[in-house]
C-alpha atoms as a PDB file:
ATOM      1  CA  MET A   1     -23.476  22.784  17.250  1.00  0.00           C
ATOM      2  CA  SER A   2     -21.592  23.689  14.108  1.00  0.00           C
ATOM      3  CA  ARG A   3     -18.100  25.078  14.243  1.00  0.00           C
ATOM      4  CA  ALA A   4     -15.890  26.728  11.671  1.00  0.00           C
ATOM      5  CA  THR A   5     -13.452  24.387   9.987  1.00  0.00           C
ATOM      6  CA  PRO A   6     -10.502  25.155   7.741  1.00  0.00           C
ATOM      7  CA  GLY A   7     -10.527  24.064   4.147  1.00  0.00           C
ATOM      8  CA  LEU A   8      -9.677  20.471   3.374  1.00  0.00           C
ATOM      9  CA  PHE A   9      -6.523  21.133   1.367  1.00  0.00           C
ATOM     10  CA  THR A  10      -4.300  22.874   3.938  1.00  0.00           C
ATOM     11  CA  PRO A  11      -4.839  20.555   6.942  1.00  0.00           C
ATOM     12  CA  THR A  12      -4.579  17.491   4.681  1.00  0.00           C
ATOM     13  CA  LEU A  13      -1.175  18.556   3.383  1.00  0.00           C
ATOM     14  CA  SER A  14      -0.055  19.513   6.868  1.00  0.00           C
ATOM     15  CA  ILE A  15      -0.953  16.096   8.271  1.00  0.00           C
ATOM     16  CA  ALA A  16       0.558  14.300   5.270  1.00  0.00           C
ATOM     17  CA  SER A  17       3.813  16.225   5.612  1.00  0.00           C
ATOM     18  CA  ARG A  18       3.984  15.465   9.325  1.00  0.00           C
ATOM     19  CA  GLU A  19       3.396  11.760   8.745  1.00  0.00           C
ATOM     20  CA  LEU A  20       6.038  11.541   6.025  1.00  0.00           C
ATOM     21  CA  ARG A  21       8.593  13.249   8.254  1.00  0.00           C
ATOM     22  CA  ALA A  22       7.737  10.905  11.118  1.00  0.00           C
ATOM     23  CA  LEU A  23       8.118   7.826   8.919  1.00  0.00           C
ATOM     24  CA  LEU A  24      11.432   9.027   7.499  1.00  0.00           C
ATOM     25  CA  ALA A  25      12.684   9.924  10.969  1.00  0.00           C
ATOM     26  CA  SER A  26      11.982   6.476  12.379  1.00  0.00           C
ATOM     27  CA  ALA A  27      14.450   3.608  12.375  1.00  0.00           C
ATOM     28  CA  ALA A  28      11.605   1.249  11.470  1.00  0.00           C
ATOM     29  CA  GLY A  29      10.837   3.253   8.339  1.00  0.00           C
ATOM     30  CA  TRP A  30      14.396   3.036   7.056  1.00  0.00           C
ATOM     31  CA  LEU A  31      14.550  -0.636   8.003  1.00  0.00           C
ATOM     32  CA  VAL A  32      11.515  -1.303   5.811  1.00  0.00           C
ATOM     33  CA  ILE A  33      13.116   0.569   2.902  1.00  0.00           C
ATOM     34  CA  ALA A  34      16.465  -1.190   3.309  1.00  0.00           C
ATOM     35  CA  LEU A  35      14.894  -4.643   3.630  1.00  0.00           C
ATOM     36  CA  PHE A  36      12.646  -4.099   0.622  1.00  0.00           C
ATOM     37  CA  LEU A  37      15.507  -2.908  -1.585  1.00  0.00           C
ATOM     38  CA  LEU A  38      17.769  -5.742  -0.451  1.00  0.00           C
ATOM     39  CA  LEU A  39      15.243  -8.499  -1.111  1.00  0.00           C
ATOM     40  CA  ALA A  40      13.784  -6.988  -4.286  1.00  0.00           C
ATOM     41  CA  GLY A  41      17.265  -6.251  -5.623  1.00  0.00           C
ATOM     42  CA  GLY A  42      18.304  -9.838  -4.993  1.00  0.00           C
ATOM     43  CA  ALA A  43      15.282 -11.117  -6.906  1.00  0.00           C
ATOM     44  CA  PHE A  44      16.049  -8.754  -9.788  1.00  0.00           C
ATOM     45  CA  ALA A  45      19.725  -9.710  -9.984  1.00  0.00           C
ATOM     46  CA  SER A  46      19.091 -13.444  -9.705  1.00  0.00           C
ATOM     47  CA  GLN A  47      16.775 -13.475 -12.717  1.00  0.00           C
ATOM     48  CA  ALA A  48      17.108 -10.449 -14.959  1.00  0.00           C
ATOM     49  CA  LEU A  49      20.907 -10.148 -14.872  1.00  0.00           C
ATOM     50  CA  GLN A  50      21.713 -13.760 -15.603  1.00  0.00           C
ATOM     51  CA  PRO A  51      23.455 -14.447 -18.956  1.00  0.00           C
ATOM     52  CA  GLY A  52      20.881 -15.345 -21.575  1.00  0.00           C
ATOM     53  CA  ALA A  53      17.944 -14.257 -19.414  1.00  0.00           C
ATOM     54  CA  PRO A  54      15.119 -12.420 -21.218  1.00  0.00           C
ATOM     55  CA  ALA A  55      15.051  -8.642 -20.910  1.00  0.00           C
ATOM     56  CA  SER A  56      12.122  -8.692 -18.527  1.00  0.00           C
ATOM     57  CA  MET A  57      11.377  -7.459 -15.016  1.00  0.00           C
ATOM     58  CA  ARG A  58       8.410  -9.779 -14.543  1.00  0.00           C
ATOM     59  CA  THR A  59      10.054 -11.793 -11.763  1.00  0.00           C
ATOM     60  CA  PHE A  60      10.976  -8.610  -9.936  1.00  0.00           C
ATOM     61  CA  PHE A  61       7.423  -7.246 -10.140  1.00  0.00           C
ATOM     62  CA  ASP A  62       5.907 -10.508  -8.900  1.00  0.00           C
ATOM     63  CA  PHE A  63       8.324 -10.743  -5.985  1.00  0.00           C
ATOM     64  CA  ALA A  64       8.040  -7.040  -5.122  1.00  0.00           C
ATOM     65  CA  GLY A  65       4.249  -7.405  -5.017  1.00  0.00           C
ATOM     66  CA  LEU A  66       4.647 -10.219  -2.499  1.00  0.00           C
ATOM     67  CA  LEU A  67       7.015  -8.082  -0.417  1.00  0.00           C
ATOM     68  CA  LEU A  68       4.478  -5.259  -0.362  1.00  0.00           C
ATOM     69  CA  LEU A  69       1.923  -7.589   1.197  1.00  0.00           C
ATOM     70  CA  TRP A  70       4.227  -7.982   4.213  1.00  0.00           C
ATOM     71  CA  MET A  71       5.766  -4.516   4.330  1.00  0.00           C
ATOM     72  CA  VAL A  72       2.969  -2.058   3.582  1.00  0.00           C
ATOM     73  CA  PRO A  73       1.058  -3.036   6.766  1.00  0.00           C
ATOM     74  CA  ALA A  74       4.289  -2.178   8.614  1.00  0.00           C
ATOM     75  CA  ILE A  75       4.177   1.296   7.051  1.00  0.00           C
ATOM     76  CA  ALA A  76       0.506   1.774   7.895  1.00  0.00           C
ATOM     77  CA  MET A  77       0.426   0.288  11.382  1.00  0.00           C
ATOM     78  CA  ARG A  78       1.561   3.446  13.178  1.00  0.00           C
ATOM     79  CA  LEU A  79      -0.440   6.011  11.229  1.00  0.00           C
ATOM     80  CA  LEU A  80      -3.364   6.176  13.662  1.00  0.00           C
ATOM     81  CA  SER A  81      -2.650   3.531  16.294  1.00  0.00           C
ATOM     82  CA  GLU A  82       0.356   5.515  17.510  1.00  0.00           C
ATOM     83  CA  GLU A  83      -1.825   8.611  17.883  1.00  0.00           C
ATOM     84  CA  SER A  84      -4.269   6.545  19.929  1.00  0.00           C
ATOM     85  CA  ARG A  85      -1.524   5.031  22.088  1.00  0.00           C
ATOM     86  CA  ALA A  86       0.062   8.409  22.750  1.00  0.00           C
ATOM     87  CA  GLY A  87      -3.281   9.989  23.624  1.00  0.00           C
ATOM     88  CA  THR A  88      -3.142  12.492  20.762  1.00  0.00           C
ATOM     89  CA  LEU A  89      -5.866  10.940  18.613  1.00  0.00           C
ATOM     90  CA  GLU A  90      -8.828  12.283  20.580  1.00  0.00           C
ATOM     91  CA  PRO A  91      -7.570  15.890  20.432  1.00  0.00           C
ATOM     92  CA  LEU A  92      -6.862  15.388  16.743  1.00  0.00           C
ATOM     93  CA  VAL A  93     -10.313  14.094  15.830  1.00  0.00           C
ATOM     94  CA  THR A  94     -11.985  16.834  17.869  1.00  0.00           C
ATOM     95  CA  SER A  95      -9.832  19.545  16.318  1.00  0.00           C
ATOM     96  CA  ALA A  96     -10.811  21.819  13.447  1.00  0.00           C
ATOM     97  CA  ALA A  97      -8.914  19.675  10.937  1.00  0.00           C
ATOM     98  CA  GLY A  98     -11.900  17.411  10.261  1.00  0.00           C
ATOM     99  CA  ASP A  99     -12.086  13.677   9.821  1.00  0.00           C
ATOM    100  CA  ALA A 100     -11.697  13.840   6.040  1.00  0.00           C
ATOM    101  CA  ALA A 101      -8.461  15.812   6.331  1.00  0.00           C
ATOM    102  CA  ILE A 102      -7.119  13.406   8.953  1.00  0.00           C
ATOM    103  CA  THR A 103      -7.977  10.359   6.858  1.00  0.00           C
ATOM    104  CA  LEU A 104      -6.594  11.782   3.616  1.00  0.00           C
ATOM    105  CA  GLY A 105      -3.561  13.337   5.296  1.00  0.00           C
ATOM    106  CA  LYS A 106      -2.540  10.103   6.981  1.00  0.00           C
ATOM    107  CA  TYR A 107      -3.105   8.194   3.736  1.00  0.00           C
ATOM    108  CA  LEU A 108      -1.167  10.651   1.577  1.00  0.00           C
ATOM    109  CA  GLY A 109       1.716  10.614   4.055  1.00  0.00           C
ATOM    110  CA  GLY A 110       1.846   6.834   3.752  1.00  0.00           C
ATOM    111  CA  LEU A 111       1.646   7.055  -0.049  1.00  0.00           C
ATOM    112  CA  ALA A 112       4.563   9.483  -0.111  1.00  0.00           C
ATOM    113  CA  PHE A 113       6.613   7.052   1.947  1.00  0.00           C
ATOM    114  CA  LEU A 114       5.596   4.258  -0.422  1.00  0.00           C
ATOM    115  CA  ALA A 115       6.973   6.381  -3.271  1.00  0.00           C
ATOM    116  CA  PHE A 116      10.273   6.645  -1.363  1.00  0.00           C
ATOM    117  CA  LEU A 117      10.234   2.862  -1.088  1.00  0.00           C
ATOM    118  CA  LEU A 118       9.647   2.178  -4.791  1.00  0.00           C
ATOM    119  CA  ALA A 119      11.545   5.048  -6.439  1.00  0.00           C
ATOM    120  CA  PRO A 120      15.064   3.582  -6.010  1.00  0.00           C
ATOM    121  CA  THR A 121      14.008   0.437  -7.883  1.00  0.00           C
ATOM    122  CA  LEU A 122      13.711   2.505 -11.068  1.00  0.00           C
ATOM    123  CA  ALA A 123      17.477   2.036 -11.189  1.00  0.00           C
ATOM    124  CA  TYR A 124      16.826  -1.664 -11.868  1.00  0.00           C
ATOM    125  CA  ALA A 125      15.015  -0.792 -15.090  1.00  0.00           C
ATOM    126  CA  ALA A 126      17.896   1.483 -16.115  1.00  0.00           C
ATOM    127  CA  ILE A 127      20.428  -1.270 -15.375  1.00  0.00           C
ATOM    128  CA  LEU A 128      18.450  -3.824 -17.349  1.00  0.00           C
ATOM    129  CA  GLY A 129      18.206  -1.434 -20.275  1.00  0.00           C
ATOM    130  CA  SER A 130      21.961  -0.855 -20.256  1.00  0.00           C
ATOM    131  CA  VAL A 131      22.953  -4.545 -20.256  1.00  0.00           C
ATOM    132  CA  SER A 132      20.226  -6.003 -22.494  1.00  0.00           C
ATOM    133  CA  ASP A 133      20.222  -6.110 -26.263  1.00  0.00           C
ATOM    134  CA  PRO A 134      17.565  -5.442 -27.297  1.00  0.00           C
ATOM    135  CA  ALA A 135      16.401  -3.255 -24.426  1.00  0.00           C
ATOM    136  CA  PRO A 136      13.166  -4.246 -22.658  1.00  0.00           C
ATOM    137  CA  ASP A 137       9.911  -2.800 -23.953  1.00  0.00           C
ATOM    138  CA  ILE A 138       8.869   0.257 -21.991  1.00  0.00           C
ATOM    139  CA  GLY A 139       5.190  -0.789 -21.924  1.00  0.00           C
ATOM    140  CA  PRO A 140       5.514  -3.860 -19.656  1.00  0.00           C
ATOM    141  CA  VAL A 141       7.962  -2.002 -17.416  1.00  0.00           C
ATOM    142  CA  ALA A 142       5.556   0.929 -17.025  1.00  0.00           C
ATOM    143  CA  SER A 143       2.568  -1.340 -16.388  1.00  0.00           C
ATOM    144  CA  GLY A 144       4.638  -3.314 -13.885  1.00  0.00           C
ATOM    145  CA  TYR A 145       5.443  -0.222 -11.855  1.00  0.00           C
ATOM    146  CA  LEU A 146       1.820   0.865 -12.121  1.00  0.00           C
ATOM    147  CA  SER A 147       0.799  -2.504 -10.674  1.00  0.00           C
ATOM    148  CA  LEU A 148       3.123  -2.029  -7.687  1.00  0.00           C
ATOM    149  CA  ALA A 149       1.880   1.508  -7.048  1.00  0.00           C
ATOM    150  CA  LEU A 150      -1.797   0.505  -7.203  1.00  0.00           C
ATOM    151  CA  LEU A 151      -1.269  -2.634  -5.130  1.00  0.00           C
ATOM    152  CA  GLY A 152       0.683  -0.747  -2.482  1.00  0.00           C
ATOM    153  CA  ALA A 153      -1.932   2.014  -2.336  1.00  0.00           C
ATOM    154  CA  THR A 154      -4.696  -0.550  -1.772  1.00  0.00           C
ATOM    155  CA  TYR A 155      -2.747  -2.388   0.923  1.00  0.00           C
ATOM    156  CA  LEU A 156      -2.025   0.956   2.579  1.00  0.00           C
ATOM    157  CA  ALA A 157      -5.729   1.861   2.733  1.00  0.00           C
ATOM    158  CA  LEU A 158      -6.462  -1.461   4.456  1.00  0.00           C
ATOM    159  CA  GLY A 159      -3.564  -0.939   6.847  1.00  0.00           C
ATOM    160  CA  LEU A 160      -4.812   2.543   7.695  1.00  0.00           C
ATOM    161  CA  LEU A 161      -8.241   1.151   8.551  1.00  0.00           C
ATOM    162  CA  ALA A 162      -6.650  -1.493  10.786  1.00  0.00           C
ATOM    163  CA  SER A 163      -4.570   1.214  12.461  1.00  0.00           C
ATOM    164  CA  THR A 164      -7.763   3.126  13.238  1.00  0.00           C
ATOM    165  CA  LEU A 165      -9.275   0.206  15.113  1.00  0.00           C
ATOM    166  CA  THR A 166      -6.574  -0.354  17.747  1.00  0.00           C
ATOM    167  CA  ASN A 167      -3.962   1.529  19.730  1.00  0.00           C
ATOM    168  CA  SER A 168      -1.480  -1.324  19.265  1.00  0.00           C
ATOM    169  CA  GLN A 169       0.820  -1.144  16.265  1.00  0.00           C
ATOM    170  CA  THR A 170       1.421  -4.885  16.509  1.00  0.00           C
ATOM    171  CA  LEU A 171      -2.293  -5.670  16.399  1.00  0.00           C
ATOM    172  CA  ALA A 172      -2.807  -3.222  13.534  1.00  0.00           C
ATOM    173  CA  TYR A 173      -0.044  -4.913  11.554  1.00  0.00           C
ATOM    174  CA  LEU A 174      -1.344  -8.410  12.245  1.00  0.00           C
ATOM    175  CA  ALA A 175      -4.945  -7.473  11.445  1.00  0.00           C
ATOM    176  CA  ALA A 176      -4.019  -6.049   8.038  1.00  0.00           C
ATOM    177  CA  LEU A 177      -1.592  -8.849   7.223  1.00  0.00           C
ATOM    178  CA  LEU A 178      -3.960 -11.647   8.243  1.00  0.00           C
ATOM    179  CA  ALA A 179      -6.806 -10.059   6.274  1.00  0.00           C
ATOM    180  CA  LEU A 180      -4.630  -9.985   3.148  1.00  0.00           C
ATOM    181  CA  LEU A 181      -3.280 -13.507   3.668  1.00  0.00           C
ATOM    182  CA  GLY A 182      -6.737 -14.858   4.428  1.00  0.00           C
ATOM    183  CA  LEU A 183      -8.198 -13.291   1.309  1.00  0.00           C
ATOM    184  CA  ARG A 184      -5.363 -14.668  -0.802  1.00  0.00           C
ATOM    185  CA  PHE A 185      -5.872 -18.133   0.704  1.00  0.00           C
ATOM    186  CA  LEU A 186      -9.586 -18.103  -0.008  1.00  0.00           C
ATOM    187  CA  ALA A 187      -9.025 -16.860  -3.559  1.00  0.00           C
ATOM    188  CA  SER A 188      -6.451 -19.582  -4.250  1.00  0.00           C
ATOM    189  CA  GLY A 189      -9.124 -22.280  -4.247  1.00  0.00           C
ATOM    190  CA  THR A 190      -7.138 -24.330  -1.714  1.00  0.00           C
ATOM    191  CA  ALA A 191      -9.723 -23.876   1.020  1.00  0.00           C
ATOM    192  CA  ALA A 192     -12.890 -25.980   0.951  1.00  0.00           C
ATOM    193  CA  VAL A 193     -15.329 -23.091   0.764  1.00  0.00           C
ATOM    194  CA  PRO A 194     -18.633 -22.614  -1.049  1.00  0.00           C
ATOM    195  CA  GLY A 195     -18.418 -21.477  -4.629  1.00  0.00           C
ATOM    196  CA  PHE A 196     -19.849 -18.035  -3.942  1.00  0.00           C
ATOM    197  CA  VAL A 197     -17.179 -17.450  -1.267  1.00  0.00           C
ATOM    198  CA  LEU A 198     -14.442 -18.470  -3.696  1.00  0.00           C
ATOM    199  CA  ASN A 199     -15.856 -16.250  -6.448  1.00  0.00           C
ATOM    200  CA  THR A 200     -16.232 -13.305  -4.075  1.00  0.00           C
ATOM    201  CA  ALA A 201     -12.687 -13.712  -2.761  1.00  0.00           C
ATOM    202  CA  ARG A 202     -11.292 -13.860  -6.273  1.00  0.00           C
ATOM    203  CA  SER A 203     -13.238 -10.764  -7.300  1.00  0.00           C
ATOM    204  CA  ILE A 204     -11.890  -8.633  -4.451  1.00  0.00           C
ATOM    205  CA  GLU A 205      -8.371 -10.101  -4.045  1.00  0.00           C
ATOM    206  CA  PRO A 206      -5.960  -7.527  -5.500  1.00  0.00           C
ATOM    207  CA  ALA A 207      -2.794  -9.580  -6.112  1.00  0.00           C
ATOM    208  CA  GLU A 208      -4.008 -11.398  -9.231  1.00  0.00           C
ATOM    209  CA  ARG A 209      -5.152  -8.126 -10.799  1.00  0.00           C
ATOM    210  CA  ALA A 210      -1.713  -6.674 -10.068  1.00  0.00           C
ATOM    211  CA  ARG A 211      -0.027  -9.693 -11.652  1.00  0.00           C
ATOM    212  CA  ARG A 212      -2.024  -9.181 -14.842  1.00  0.00           C
ATOM    213  CA  LEU A 213      -0.945  -5.548 -14.959  1.00  0.00           C
ATOM    214  CA  ALA A 214       2.683  -6.543 -14.326  1.00  0.00           C
ATOM    215  CA  ALA A 215       2.436  -8.903 -17.288  1.00  0.00           C
ATOM    216  CA  GLY A 216       1.283  -6.028 -19.499  1.00  0.00           C
ATOM    217  CA  ILE A 217      -2.334  -7.220 -19.607  1.00  0.00           C
ATOM    218  CA  VAL A 218      -4.263  -4.029 -18.952  1.00  0.00           C
ATOM    219  CA  HIS A 219      -8.018  -4.270 -18.410  1.00  0.00           C
ATOM    220  CA  ALA A 220     -10.226  -1.310 -17.540  1.00  0.00           C
ATOM    221  CA  GLN A 221     -11.902  -3.244 -14.734  1.00  0.00           C
ATOM    222  CA  ASP A 222      -8.542  -3.952 -13.113  1.00  0.00           C
ATOM    223  CA  LEU A 223      -7.531  -0.292 -13.304  1.00  0.00           C
ATOM    224  CA  ALA A 224     -10.868   0.747 -11.813  1.00  0.00           C
ATOM    225  CA  TYR A 225     -10.716  -1.853  -9.041  1.00  0.00           C
ATOM    226  CA  PHE A 226      -7.765  -0.380  -7.140  1.00  0.00           C
ATOM    227  CA  PRO A 227      -9.012   3.199  -6.617  1.00  0.00           C
ATOM    228  CA  LEU A 228     -12.484   1.847  -5.837  1.00  0.00           C
ATOM    229  CA  ALA A 229     -11.175  -0.602  -3.227  1.00  0.00           C
ATOM    230  CA  ALA A 230      -8.884   2.005  -1.667  1.00  0.00           C
ATOM    231  CA  GLY A 231     -11.699   4.563  -1.685  1.00  0.00           C
ATOM    232  CA  LEU A 232     -14.095   2.235   0.127  1.00  0.00           C
ATOM    233  CA  LEU A 233     -11.463   1.446   2.753  1.00  0.00           C
ATOM    234  CA  LEU A 234     -10.796   5.165   3.265  1.00  0.00           C
ATOM    235  CA  VAL A 235     -14.537   5.785   3.666  1.00  0.00           C
ATOM    236  CA  ALA A 236     -14.586   3.080   6.347  1.00  0.00           C
ATOM    237  CA  THR A 237     -11.634   4.756   8.088  1.00  0.00           C
ATOM    238  CA  PHE A 238     -13.440   8.091   7.917  1.00  0.00           C
ATOM    239  CA  ALA A 239     -16.542   6.490   9.455  1.00  0.00           C
ATOM    240  CA  VAL A 240     -14.549   5.024  12.358  1.00  0.00           C
ATOM    241  CA  LEU A 241     -12.901   8.384  13.045  1.00  0.00           C
ATOM    242  CA  SER A 242     -16.243  10.168  12.866  1.00  0.00           C
ATOM    243  CA  SER A 243     -17.731   7.780  15.405  1.00  0.00           C
ATOM    244  CA  ARG A 244     -15.191   8.973  17.958  1.00  0.00           C
ATOM    245  CA  ARG A 245     -16.759  12.444  17.974  1.00  0.00           C
ATOM    246  CA  TRP A 246     -19.938  10.976  19.459  1.00  0.00           C
ATOM    247  CA  ARG A 247     -18.387   8.919  22.241  1.00  0.00           C
END
């Protein structure tokens, strides 16, 4: 039986706003931000601010991308698993909001928090520009931040899917992290796997594409990969949520 549903825009923004407030109100959220800034800032200072060092943020972007692999699943792990644990997920998915609004709202809330995580590091670029002569080129800096944003958004979509599949935040975190680490391991060529597995892993592993962007090497296929990968993961999340309506 059909039922009236609100438009997509309003419930999506409402859910996103609620998730952002919840993340910013949690001690774990601020711990993630503080830890990221501490470690990423140390990497920046140890390389870019050394006397005679090139005016480049490449080391920072590479290290920050590695940090995101560990920290973005921590952002995503509570988005839906906490709703399931608290018993509020079933009322949510059977409400008038709709599965698309829930999926997009949760994802946008996580993206907004990711912006809070990355925004303070823009100060590093300003510091480098003030102490370097000549100043660093804006192109590689811009492409480096683009690589972090796209990489984080893709990791977040995977983490959201993992959070949909369990009511345990710990399991959601481990599932997303192990999937990312496993894919990176397979793509490295270290594992004795068939050639088609290696080629497939390398084609879908996002870190190398992000590294190329951070180096200022911009390819259309790399730019297209990230929204496509995130979109497919969000569709999978939507499908899992929709299946709950029929249980």
